Amino acid sequence: MKVEAMETVREIIDRKGGLEALKSSHIKVINPPYMPLVVEYVGQGPRGLPLVSVAHYFEQNGDMMRDPEIVFEVPARGTWEPVSIQQDPLGSHQEAVFRDDAGRLMARPGLVRSIKAFARMWDRNLKAQGFLEEVGK
């Protein structure tokens, strides 16, 4: 059985009404002492699937910073596929899946694998830190 990279986040979305509800309103989970977790629908991805941003936010010099933000294409069933990762404190933004100027679907398989591994660890941490329990409080 393959483990979903973002099972905890998927459960948070489900508890808040599912993907259709997310399209109308983002989800913000506040769980001190950790950075707030924000999950939001951000459009359609390069494969035409819904795009969901998952990010921790903090403020620095009056600006909201993402550390990290991973944007996923989210199929109705199956594995979430990472499209990009951003870490503002590092000045890092990497596209893993995109359409080139000619409209061809392009992917960086090594980066996709790296983001998936990071996402699995991050998701386990979100669960262990109690973010799921904070939903609906």
C-alpha atoms as a PDB file:
ATOM      1  CA  MET A   1       0.000   0.000   0.000  1.00  0.00           C
ATOM      2  CA  LYS A   2       1.410   3.353  -1.070  1.00  0.00           C
ATOM      3  CA  VAL A   3       1.331   6.082   1.582  1.00  0.00           C
ATOM      4  CA  GLU A   4      -0.207   9.367   0.491  1.00  0.00           C
ATOM      5  CA  ALA A   5       2.186  12.293   0.878  1.00  0.00           C
ATOM      6  CA  MET A   6      -0.385  14.585   2.501  1.00  0.00           C
ATOM      7  CA  GLU A   7      -2.877  12.355   4.346  1.00  0.00           C
ATOM      8  CA  THR A   8      -3.224  14.741   7.303  1.00  0.00           C
ATOM      9  CA  VAL A   9      -3.855  17.731   5.035  1.00  0.00           C
ATOM     10  CA  ARG A  10      -6.368  15.725   2.992  1.00  0.00           C
ATOM     11  CA  GLU A  11      -8.196  14.896   6.262  1.00  0.00           C
ATOM     12  CA  ILE A  12      -8.170  18.585   7.260  1.00  0.00           C
ATOM     13  CA  ILE A  13      -9.749  19.463   3.894  1.00  0.00           C
ATOM     14  CA  ASP A  14     -12.341  16.690   4.290  1.00  0.00           C
ATOM     15  CA  ARG A  15     -13.266  17.877   7.787  1.00  0.00           C
ATOM     16  CA  LYS A  16     -13.806  21.384   6.403  1.00  0.00           C
ATOM     17  CA  GLY A  17     -16.189  20.235   3.649  1.00  0.00           C
ATOM     18  CA  GLY A  18     -13.878  18.862   0.964  1.00  0.00           C
ATOM     19  CA  LEU A  19     -12.277  20.322  -2.122  1.00  0.00           C
ATOM     20  CA  GLU A  20     -15.461  22.063  -3.304  1.00  0.00           C
ATOM     21  CA  ALA A  21     -15.667  23.974  -0.010  1.00  0.00           C
ATOM     22  CA  LEU A  22     -11.949  24.790  -0.256  1.00  0.00           C
ATOM     23  CA  LYS A  23     -12.586  26.409  -3.638  1.00  0.00           C
ATOM     24  CA  SER A  24     -14.801  28.967  -1.835  1.00  0.00           C
ATOM     25  CA  SER A  25     -12.732  29.594   1.287  1.00  0.00           C
ATOM     26  CA  HIS A  26      -9.211  28.821   2.425  1.00  0.00           C
ATOM     27  CA  ILE A  27      -8.484  26.889   5.615  1.00  0.00           C
ATOM     28  CA  LYS A  28      -6.262  28.368   8.308  1.00  0.00           C
ATOM     29  CA  VAL A  29      -5.254  26.198  11.243  1.00  0.00           C
ATOM     30  CA  ILE A  30      -3.714  28.015  14.196  1.00  0.00           C
ATOM     31  CA  ASN A  31      -1.818  25.708  16.509  1.00  0.00           C
ATOM     32  CA  PRO A  32       0.653  27.521  18.806  1.00  0.00           C
ATOM     33  CA  PRO A  33       3.589  27.396  19.158  1.00  0.00           C
ATOM     34  CA  TYR A  34       3.782  26.365  15.493  1.00  0.00           C
ATOM     35  CA  MET A  35       3.391  28.636  12.473  1.00  0.00           C
ATOM     36  CA  PRO A  36      -0.180  28.815  11.137  1.00  0.00           C
ATOM     37  CA  LEU A  37      -0.992  26.294   8.416  1.00  0.00           C
ATOM     38  CA  VAL A  38      -2.919  27.627   5.427  1.00  0.00           C
ATOM     39  CA  VAL A  39      -4.504  25.388   2.797  1.00  0.00           C
ATOM     40  CA  GLU A  40      -6.101  26.985  -0.248  1.00  0.00           C
ATOM     41  CA  TYR A  41      -7.349  26.228  -3.726  1.00  0.00           C
ATOM     42  CA  VAL A  42      -5.269  28.227  -6.221  1.00  0.00           C
ATOM     43  CA  GLY A  43      -6.622  27.201  -9.636  1.00  0.00           C
ATOM     44  CA  GLN A  44      -5.829  24.470 -12.138  1.00  0.00           C
ATOM     45  CA  GLY A  45      -2.484  22.823 -12.600  1.00  0.00           C
ATOM     46  CA  PRO A  46      -0.488  21.945 -15.693  1.00  0.00           C
ATOM     47  CA  ARG A  47      -2.428  18.663 -16.092  1.00  0.00           C
ATOM     48  CA  GLY A  48      -5.779  20.428 -15.662  1.00  0.00           C
ATOM     49  CA  LEU A  49      -6.307  19.128 -12.112  1.00  0.00           C
ATOM     50  CA  PRO A  50      -7.189  21.294  -9.100  1.00  0.00           C
ATOM     51  CA  LEU A  51      -4.191  23.027  -7.493  1.00  0.00           C
ATOM     52  CA  VAL A  52      -3.941  23.180  -3.711  1.00  0.00           C
ATOM     53  CA  SER A  53      -1.376  25.254  -1.833  1.00  0.00           C
ATOM     54  CA  VAL A  54      -0.239  24.035   1.585  1.00  0.00           C
ATOM     55  CA  ALA A  55       1.904  26.507   3.511  1.00  0.00           C
ATOM     56  CA  HIS A  56       3.184  27.613   6.864  1.00  0.00           C
ATOM     57  CA  TYR A  57       3.194  31.414   7.132  1.00  0.00           C
ATOM     58  CA  PHE A  58       5.042  33.827   9.376  1.00  0.00           C
ATOM     59  CA  GLU A  59       5.579  37.583   9.278  1.00  0.00           C
ATOM     60  CA  GLN A  60       8.968  39.162   8.673  1.00  0.00           C
ATOM     61  CA  ASN A  61       9.433  42.933   8.377  1.00  0.00           C
ATOM     62  CA  GLY A  62       5.718  43.322   7.660  1.00  0.00           C
ATOM     63  CA  ASP A  63       5.709  40.734   4.853  1.00  0.00           C
ATOM     64  CA  MET A  64       4.060  37.319   4.957  1.00  0.00           C
ATOM     65  CA  MET A  65       6.636  34.601   4.364  1.00  0.00           C
ATOM     66  CA  ARG A  66       6.008  30.990   3.317  1.00  0.00           C
ATOM     67  CA  ASP A  67       8.201  28.351   4.911  1.00  0.00           C
ATOM     68  CA  PRO A  68       7.467  26.131   3.127  1.00  0.00           C
ATOM     69  CA  GLU A  69       4.708  26.272   0.551  1.00  0.00           C
ATOM     70  CA  ILE A  70       4.099  23.244  -1.637  1.00  0.00           C
ATOM     71  CA  VAL A  71       1.557  23.434  -4.434  1.00  0.00           C
ATOM     72  CA  PHE A  72      -0.013  20.125  -5.430  1.00  0.00           C
ATOM     73  CA  GLU A  73      -2.259  18.920  -8.211  1.00  0.00           C
ATOM     74  CA  VAL A  74      -5.030  17.042  -6.424  1.00  0.00           C
ATOM     75  CA  PRO A  75      -6.925  14.305  -8.275  1.00  0.00           C
ATOM     76  CA  ALA A  76     -10.330  13.166  -7.010  1.00  0.00           C
ATOM     77  CA  ARG A  77      -8.648   9.911  -5.984  1.00  0.00           C
ATOM     78  CA  GLY A  78      -5.026   8.971  -5.857  1.00  0.00           C
ATOM     79  CA  THR A  79      -1.741  10.575  -5.046  1.00  0.00           C
ATOM     80  CA  TRP A  80      -1.243  14.307  -4.736  1.00  0.00           C
ATOM     81  CA  GLU A  81       1.382  15.384  -7.255  1.00  0.00           C
ATOM     82  CA  PRO A  82       3.717  18.257  -6.312  1.00  0.00           C
ATOM     83  CA  VAL A  83       3.978  21.085  -8.811  1.00  0.00           C
ATOM     84  CA  SER A  84       6.244  23.505  -6.933  1.00  0.00           C
ATOM     85  CA  ILE A  85       7.911  24.300  -3.639  1.00  0.00           C
ATOM     86  CA  GLN A  86       8.750  27.704  -2.218  1.00  0.00           C
ATOM     87  CA  GLN A  87      10.759  28.672   0.854  1.00  0.00           C
ATOM     88  CA  ASP A  88      10.800  32.449   1.198  1.00  0.00           C
ATOM     89  CA  PRO A  89      13.533  32.671   3.885  1.00  0.00           C
ATOM     90  CA  LEU A  90      15.895  30.912   1.454  1.00  0.00           C
ATOM     91  CA  GLY A  91      14.703  32.856  -1.591  1.00  0.00           C
ATOM     92  CA  SER A  92      13.921  29.494  -3.171  1.00  0.00           C
ATOM     93  CA  HIS A  93      11.152  28.707  -5.664  1.00  0.00           C
ATOM     94  CA  GLN A  94      11.340  25.510  -7.716  1.00  0.00           C
ATOM     95  CA  GLU A  95       8.914  24.293 -10.386  1.00  0.00           C
ATOM     96  CA  ALA A  96       8.676  20.496 -10.551  1.00  0.00           C
ATOM     97  CA  VAL A  97       5.903  20.200 -13.162  1.00  0.00           C
ATOM     98  CA  PHE A  98       4.969  22.917 -15.660  1.00  0.00           C
ATOM     99  CA  ARG A  99       4.051  23.688 -19.244  1.00  0.00           C
ATOM    100  CA  ASP A 100       6.816  25.115 -21.429  1.00  0.00           C
ATOM    101  CA  ASP A 101       6.362  27.975 -23.919  1.00  0.00           C
ATOM    102  CA  ALA A 102       5.172  25.494 -26.553  1.00  0.00           C
ATOM    103  CA  GLY A 103       2.526  24.105 -24.161  1.00  0.00           C
ATOM    104  CA  ARG A 104       4.293  20.785 -23.572  1.00  0.00           C
ATOM    105  CA  LEU A 105       3.995  19.209 -20.122  1.00  0.00           C
ATOM    106  CA  MET A 106       7.435  19.186 -18.522  1.00  0.00           C
ATOM    107  CA  ALA A 107       8.525  17.477 -15.299  1.00  0.00           C
ATOM    108  CA  ARG A 108      11.683  17.293 -13.248  1.00  0.00           C
ATOM    109  CA  PRO A 109      11.446  13.730 -11.840  1.00  0.00           C
ATOM    110  CA  GLY A 110      14.245  14.136  -9.292  1.00  0.00           C
ATOM    111  CA  LEU A 111      12.649  17.287  -7.895  1.00  0.00           C
ATOM    112  CA  VAL A 112       9.206  15.608  -7.824  1.00  0.00           C
ATOM    113  CA  ARG A 113      10.660  12.720  -5.785  1.00  0.00           C
ATOM    114  CA  SER A 114      12.451  15.127  -3.444  1.00  0.00           C
ATOM    115  CA  ILE A 115       9.308  17.205  -2.821  1.00  0.00           C
ATOM    116  CA  LYS A 116       7.228  14.049  -2.239  1.00  0.00           C
ATOM    117  CA  ALA A 117       9.740  12.795   0.355  1.00  0.00           C
ATOM    118  CA  PHE A 118       9.724  16.188   2.093  1.00  0.00           C
ATOM    119  CA  ALA A 119       5.891  16.322   1.950  1.00  0.00           C
ATOM    120  CA  ARG A 120       5.582  12.894   3.605  1.00  0.00           C
ATOM    121  CA  MET A 121       7.844  14.025   6.460  1.00  0.00           C
ATOM    122  CA  TRP A 122       6.057  17.381   6.781  1.00  0.00           C
ATOM    123  CA  ASP A 123       2.659  15.678   6.849  1.00  0.00           C
ATOM    124  CA  ARG A 124       3.782  13.268   9.598  1.00  0.00           C
ATOM    125  CA  ASN A 125       5.009  16.282  11.586  1.00  0.00           C
ATOM    126  CA  LEU A 126       1.683  18.119  11.122  1.00  0.00           C
ATOM    127  CA  LYS A 127      -0.139  15.105  12.525  1.00  0.00           C
ATOM    128  CA  ALA A 128       2.295  14.669  15.429  1.00  0.00           C
ATOM    129  CA  GLN A 129       2.085  18.403  16.228  1.00  0.00           C
ATOM    130  CA  GLY A 130      -1.710  18.209  16.558  1.00  0.00           C
ATOM    131  CA  PHE A 131      -2.870  20.239  13.550  1.00  0.00           C
ATOM    132  CA  LEU A 132      -5.647  17.756  12.781  1.00  0.00           C
ATOM    133  CA  GLU A 133      -7.024  18.071  16.321  1.00  0.00           C
ATOM    134  CA  GLU A 134      -7.173  21.875  15.972  1.00  0.00           C
ATOM    135  CA  VAL A 135      -9.532  21.727  12.979  1.00  0.00           C
ATOM    136  CA  GLY A 136     -13.034  22.689  14.000  1.00  0.00           C
ATOM    137  CA  LYS A 137     -12.139  24.096  17.404  1.00  0.00           C
END
